[in-house]
Amino acid sequence: MDVYPHMKMMKRPFCILVLFLLTSNVVFCERCSRVTQTLQCGDLACDTDRGVCVPCNTSADCYPNAMECKEGKCVVKSFVSNFSALYVVALLCSVAVCSIAVLAGVGGGGILVPMFCLLMGLPMDFAVGLSQSTICGQSILNVLIAIRKRFPCAGCSRPLINYQYLTLLVPLGVIGTLIGGVLNRLCPDLFRLVLLFLLLTAVLYRSVRKMIAQYREDQSERRGTNTVSYAEEVSGTPTLNSHEEIFHVTQPQYPWIEISC
């Protein structure tokens, strides 16, 4: 019996990623291009004829629509000077995405980043930073709301947030952030968008499957509840719930001292 079937499934995508990084001109720093200009040249422009980074002469040498040339360097245009109807659409879509993300319990960054790139014309690096700022405010509000709630279970009394799991997930998240920061400097924008598309496709597939399974479970529970209610009416005595917990677990609302010690 194979104990780690999912790890074998990830071998081929991982090998493809490593092969791409080894053959990428970003790793070897051979020639810059318009696609990798913001990664290789920073605030400089790319001379596509020679494949080297040079100071910009006009705004056309910089990232289109989002950046302008000032004193030989490419800088992001101010919000006021580049404001358009697409910015209003992006703001309204951000509100809608964050609202749906709160209901689903996710961050929404996988949708915000490509949306900022398409509607506002921002480079990938700046779109990621703007998305992280948006998610940060949303996450702080969600934590302030969830930190006061209790877990909805009749057999236990504990906070909604599982702080024991949190102590395990936070270090792993920090490690993943560091690895992502390194890959962010190695991979071009197009490759990162492809990875993001594949990730969102997998997440959408799993979410749809989970939604269907949850719907079927809710329907079966409703039919079971109706059957129990009918049995109580006929016998005149309440029927024991099979999901009732025997042991009651109680945890404090803020167990931070216990976790830290």
Protein backbone atom coordinates (compact mmCIF):
# COMPACT_ATOMS: atom_id res chain seq x y z
CA MET A 1 0.00 0.00 0.00
CA ASP A 2 1.37 3.38 -1.02
CA VAL A 3 1.50 5.68 1.98
CA TYR A 4 2.26 8.90 0.08
CA PRO A 5 0.33 8.80 -3.21
CA HIS A 6 0.06 12.59 -3.43
CA MET A 7 3.82 13.07 -3.20
CA LYS A 8 4.37 10.94 -6.29
CA MET A 9 1.80 13.02 -8.16
CA MET A 10 3.79 16.18 -7.35
CA LYS A 11 7.13 14.82 -8.62
CA ARG A 12 6.53 15.64 -12.27
CA PRO A 13 5.34 19.27 -11.75
CA PHE A 14 8.25 19.84 -9.37
CA CYS A 15 10.77 18.51 -11.90
CA ILE A 16 9.27 20.74 -14.61
CA LEU A 17 9.58 23.77 -12.33
CA VAL A 18 13.23 23.01 -11.52
CA LEU A 19 14.02 22.47 -15.22
CA PHE A 20 12.42 25.78 -16.10
CA LEU A 21 14.41 27.64 -13.46
CA LEU A 22 17.67 26.05 -14.59
CA THR A 23 17.08 26.98 -18.23
CA SER A 24 15.62 30.42 -17.54
CA ASN A 25 17.60 33.41 -18.71
CA VAL A 26 16.61 35.09 -15.47
CA VAL A 27 18.78 32.68 -13.49
CA PHE A 28 21.78 33.07 -15.76
CA CYS A 29 21.15 36.82 -16.24
CA GLU A 30 21.99 36.59 -19.94
CA ARG A 31 19.67 39.06 -21.65
CA CYS A 32 16.80 41.17 -20.45
CA SER A 33 13.51 41.43 -22.32
CA ARG A 34 10.29 43.37 -22.12
CA VAL A 35 8.66 40.48 -20.29
CA THR A 36 11.30 40.29 -17.54
CA GLN A 37 12.20 43.99 -17.48
CA THR A 38 10.84 44.74 -14.02
CA LEU A 39 12.61 41.69 -12.56
CA GLN A 40 16.04 42.09 -14.14
CA CYS A 41 16.33 45.85 -14.51
CA GLY A 42 14.38 47.18 -11.52
CA ASP A 43 13.83 50.91 -12.07
CA LEU A 44 15.83 50.88 -15.33
CA ALA A 45 14.62 50.16 -18.85
CA CYS A 46 15.64 47.29 -21.10
CA ASP A 47 17.41 47.81 -24.39
CA THR A 48 15.93 44.91 -26.33
CA ASP A 49 18.48 45.25 -29.15
CA ARG A 50 21.48 44.70 -26.89
CA GLY A 51 19.64 42.87 -24.09
CA VAL A 52 21.05 45.10 -21.33
CA CYS A 53 19.51 47.40 -18.73
CA VAL A 54 19.87 51.12 -19.48
CA PRO A 55 18.37 54.36 -18.10
CA CYS A 56 15.06 55.21 -19.72
CA ASN A 57 14.64 58.11 -22.16
CA THR A 58 10.86 58.24 -22.50
CA SER A 59 7.89 56.70 -20.70
CA ALA A 60 7.48 54.30 -23.62
CA ASP A 61 10.65 52.53 -22.48
CA CYS A 62 9.03 51.62 -19.14
CA TYR A 63 6.24 49.22 -18.26
CA PRO A 64 3.25 50.29 -20.41
CA ASN A 65 0.41 52.37 -18.89
CA ALA A 66 1.49 51.92 -15.27
CA MET A 67 5.00 53.48 -15.19
CA GLU A 68 6.64 56.66 -16.44
CA CYS A 69 10.21 57.85 -16.94
CA LYS A 70 11.62 60.37 -14.46
CA GLU A 71 15.31 61.31 -14.44
CA GLY A 72 16.29 58.13 -16.24
CA LYS A 73 14.35 55.81 -13.92
CA CYS A 74 11.02 54.04 -14.36
CA VAL A 75 8.62 54.87 -11.53
CA VAL A 76 4.99 53.97 -10.97
CA LYS A 77 2.54 56.67 -11.97
CA SER A 78 0.61 58.37 -9.20
CA PHE A 79 -2.92 57.21 -8.49
CA VAL A 80 -4.42 60.58 -9.46
CA SER A 81 -2.56 61.01 -12.75
CA ASN A 82 -3.39 57.48 -13.93
CA PHE A 83 -6.96 57.40 -12.60
CA SER A 84 -9.58 56.11 -15.04
CA ALA A 85 -12.89 54.28 -15.17
CA LEU A 86 -11.04 50.96 -14.95
CA TYR A 87 -9.72 52.00 -11.54
CA VAL A 88 -13.30 52.47 -10.32
CA VAL A 89 -14.19 49.03 -11.69
CA ALA A 90 -11.14 47.56 -9.93
CA LEU A 91 -12.14 49.15 -6.61
CA LEU A 92 -15.72 47.87 -6.88
CA CYS A 93 -14.52 44.40 -7.87
CA SER A 94 -12.12 44.43 -4.90
CA VAL A 95 -15.00 45.10 -2.53
CA ALA A 96 -17.01 42.27 -4.10
CA VAL A 97 -14.08 39.83 -4.04
CA CYS A 98 -13.25 40.60 -0.40
CA SER A 99 -16.91 40.19 0.59
CA ILE A 100 -17.13 36.78 -1.07
CA ALA A 101 -13.73 35.79 0.33
CA VAL A 102 -14.91 36.53 3.88
CA LEU A 103 -17.89 34.22 3.42
CA ALA A 104 -15.68 31.48 1.96
CA GLY A 105 -12.94 31.88 4.57
CA VAL A 106 -10.16 32.60 2.05
CA GLY A 107 -7.96 35.59 1.32
CA GLY A 108 -8.94 36.32 -2.26
CA GLY A 109 -5.40 37.14 -3.39
CA GLY A 110 -5.56 34.66 -6.25
CA ILE A 111 -8.29 36.79 -7.82
CA LEU A 112 -7.07 40.25 -6.78
CA VAL A 113 -3.59 39.91 -8.32
CA PRO A 114 -4.64 39.14 -11.93
CA MET A 115 -7.51 41.62 -11.60
CA PHE A 116 -5.11 44.44 -10.65
CA CYS A 117 -2.81 43.43 -13.51
CA LEU A 118 -5.59 43.48 -16.10
CA LEU A 119 -7.74 46.43 -14.97
CA MET A 120 -5.11 48.76 -13.52
CA GLY A 121 -2.25 47.73 -15.81
CA LEU A 122 0.16 47.21 -12.91
CA PRO A 123 3.24 44.98 -13.08
CA MET A 124 3.03 41.68 -11.25
CA ASP A 125 5.25 42.84 -8.38
CA PHE A 126 3.17 45.93 -7.64
CA ALA A 127 -0.11 44.02 -8.04
CA VAL A 128 1.07 41.46 -5.47
CA GLY A 129 1.97 44.22 -3.00
CA LEU A 130 -1.38 45.94 -3.47
CA SER A 131 -3.20 42.63 -3.06
CA GLN A 132 -1.29 41.84 0.14
CA SER A 133 -2.20 45.25 1.59
CA THR A 134 -5.86 44.66 0.77
CA ILE A 135 -5.85 41.17 2.30
CA CYS A 136 -4.02 42.44 5.41
CA GLY A 137 -6.85 44.83 6.30
CA GLN A 138 -9.43 42.16 5.55
CA SER A 139 -7.61 39.57 7.67
CA ILE A 140 -7.29 41.88 10.68
CA LEU A 141 -11.04 42.52 10.63
CA ASN A 142 -11.81 38.79 10.26
CA VAL A 143 -9.56 37.88 13.21
CA LEU A 144 -11.15 40.52 15.44
CA ILE A 145 -14.57 39.05 14.65
CA ALA A 146 -13.60 35.36 14.89
CA ILE A 147 -11.52 35.69 18.06
CA ARG A 148 -14.65 36.26 20.16
CA LYS A 149 -16.68 33.34 18.75
CA ARG A 150 -17.06 29.84 20.18
CA PHE A 151 -16.95 26.57 18.27
CA PRO A 152 -20.53 25.48 17.35
CA CYS A 153 -20.54 22.07 19.05
CA ALA A 154 -22.82 20.83 21.82
CA GLY A 155 -20.25 18.37 23.16
CA CYS A 156 -17.35 20.78 23.58
CA SER A 157 -16.73 24.32 24.68
CA ARG A 158 -13.70 25.87 23.01
CA PRO A 159 -12.90 28.94 20.90
CA LEU A 160 -13.63 28.96 17.19
CA ILE A 161 -9.93 29.43 16.38
CA ASN A 162 -7.85 26.32 17.03
CA TYR A 163 -4.73 27.89 18.51
CA GLN A 164 -2.89 24.56 18.69
CA TYR A 165 -3.11 24.19 14.91
CA LEU A 166 -2.25 27.85 14.55
CA THR A 167 1.11 27.36 16.26
CA LEU A 168 1.94 24.75 13.61
CA LEU A 169 0.62 26.60 10.56
CA VAL A 170 2.20 30.01 11.20
CA PRO A 171 5.85 28.81 10.98
CA LEU A 172 5.03 26.82 7.85
CA GLY A 173 3.38 29.87 6.33
CA VAL A 174 6.44 32.00 7.08
CA ILE A 175 8.72 29.42 5.44
CA GLY A 176 6.47 29.31 2.38
CA THR A 177 6.55 33.11 2.19
CA LEU A 178 10.36 33.12 2.18
CA ILE A 179 10.48 30.49 -0.57
CA GLY A 180 7.90 32.41 -2.59
CA GLY A 181 9.93 35.60 -2.23
CA VAL A 182 12.97 33.86 -3.75
CA LEU A 183 10.94 32.38 -6.62
CA ASN A 184 9.35 35.78 -7.17
CA ARG A 185 12.74 37.14 -8.25
CA LEU A 186 13.53 34.15 -10.46
CA CYS A 187 10.31 33.58 -12.38
CA PRO A 188 8.95 36.00 -15.02
CA ASP A 189 5.44 37.42 -14.79
CA LEU A 190 3.99 35.08 -17.42
CA PHE A 191 5.22 31.95 -15.64
CA ARG A 192 3.82 33.16 -12.32
CA LEU A 193 0.45 33.88 -13.91
CA VAL A 194 0.40 30.36 -15.38
CA LEU A 195 1.16 28.88 -11.95
CA LEU A 196 -1.55 31.05 -10.42
CA PHE A 197 -4.04 29.89 -13.05
CA LEU A 198 -3.22 26.23 -12.40
CA LEU A 199 -3.53 26.75 -8.66
CA LEU A 200 -6.90 28.48 -8.98
CA THR A 201 -8.13 25.72 -11.30
CA ALA A 202 -7.23 23.06 -8.73
CA VAL A 203 -8.80 25.10 -5.91
CA LEU A 204 -11.98 25.60 -7.95
CA TYR A 205 -12.21 21.86 -8.67
CA ARG A 206 -11.80 20.93 -5.01
CA SER A 207 -14.24 23.65 -3.91
CA VAL A 208 -16.93 22.42 -6.29
CA ARG A 209 -16.47 18.84 -5.09
CA LYS A 210 -16.64 19.97 -1.47
CA MET A 211 -19.76 22.02 -2.20
CA ILE A 212 -21.52 19.03 -3.76
CA ALA A 213 -20.52 16.76 -0.85
CA GLN A 214 -21.68 19.34 1.70
CA TYR A 215 -25.01 19.74 -0.11
CA ARG A 216 -25.61 15.99 -0.08
CA GLU A 217 -24.68 15.80 3.61
CA ASP A 218 -27.08 18.62 4.47
CA GLN A 219 -29.87 16.92 2.55
CA SER A 220 -29.29 13.61 4.36
CA GLU A 221 -29.23 15.38 7.75
CA ARG A 222 -32.53 17.10 6.95
CA ARG A 223 -34.13 13.79 6.03
CA GLY A 224 -32.75 12.24 9.24
CA THR A 225 -34.09 15.13 11.35
CA ASN A 226 -37.54 14.76 9.85
CA THR A 227 -37.50 11.01 10.60
CA VAL A 228 -36.51 11.62 14.24
CA SER A 229 -39.23 14.24 14.69
CA TYR A 230 -41.86 11.86 13.32
CA ALA A 231 -40.68 9.08 15.70
CA GLU A 232 -40.94 11.44 18.67
CA GLU A 233 -44.49 12.41 17.73
CA VAL A 234 -45.57 8.77 17.45
CA SER A 235 -43.92 7.49 20.67
CA GLY A 236 -44.35 10.65 22.72
CA THR A 237 -40.76 10.38 24.05
CA PRO A 238 -37.70 12.21 22.79
CA THR A 239 -35.23 10.19 20.75
CA LEU A 240 -31.52 10.35 21.59
CA ASN A 241 -29.39 12.05 19.00
CA SER A 242 -26.71 9.73 17.65
CA HIS A 243 -24.32 12.68 17.23
CA GLU A 244 -24.57 13.71 20.88
CA GLU A 245 -21.17 13.83 22.54
CA ILE A 246 -20.59 11.92 25.78
CA PHE A 247 -17.46 13.72 26.89
CA HIS A 248 -17.47 17.50 27.22
CA VAL A 249 -14.26 19.34 26.43
CA THR A 250 -13.80 22.85 27.78
CA GLN A 251 -11.09 25.26 26.69
CA PRO A 252 -10.60 28.93 27.62
CA GLN A 253 -11.48 31.57 25.08
CA TYR A 254 -7.93 32.97 25.02
CA PRO A 255 -5.47 30.09 25.75
CA TRP A 256 -2.39 32.08 24.75
CA ILE A 257 -0.56 31.60 28.06
CA GLU A 258 -1.05 27.82 27.94
CA ILE A 259 0.24 27.64 24.36
CA SER A 260 3.28 29.84 25.00
CA CYS A 261 4.28 27.82 28.06
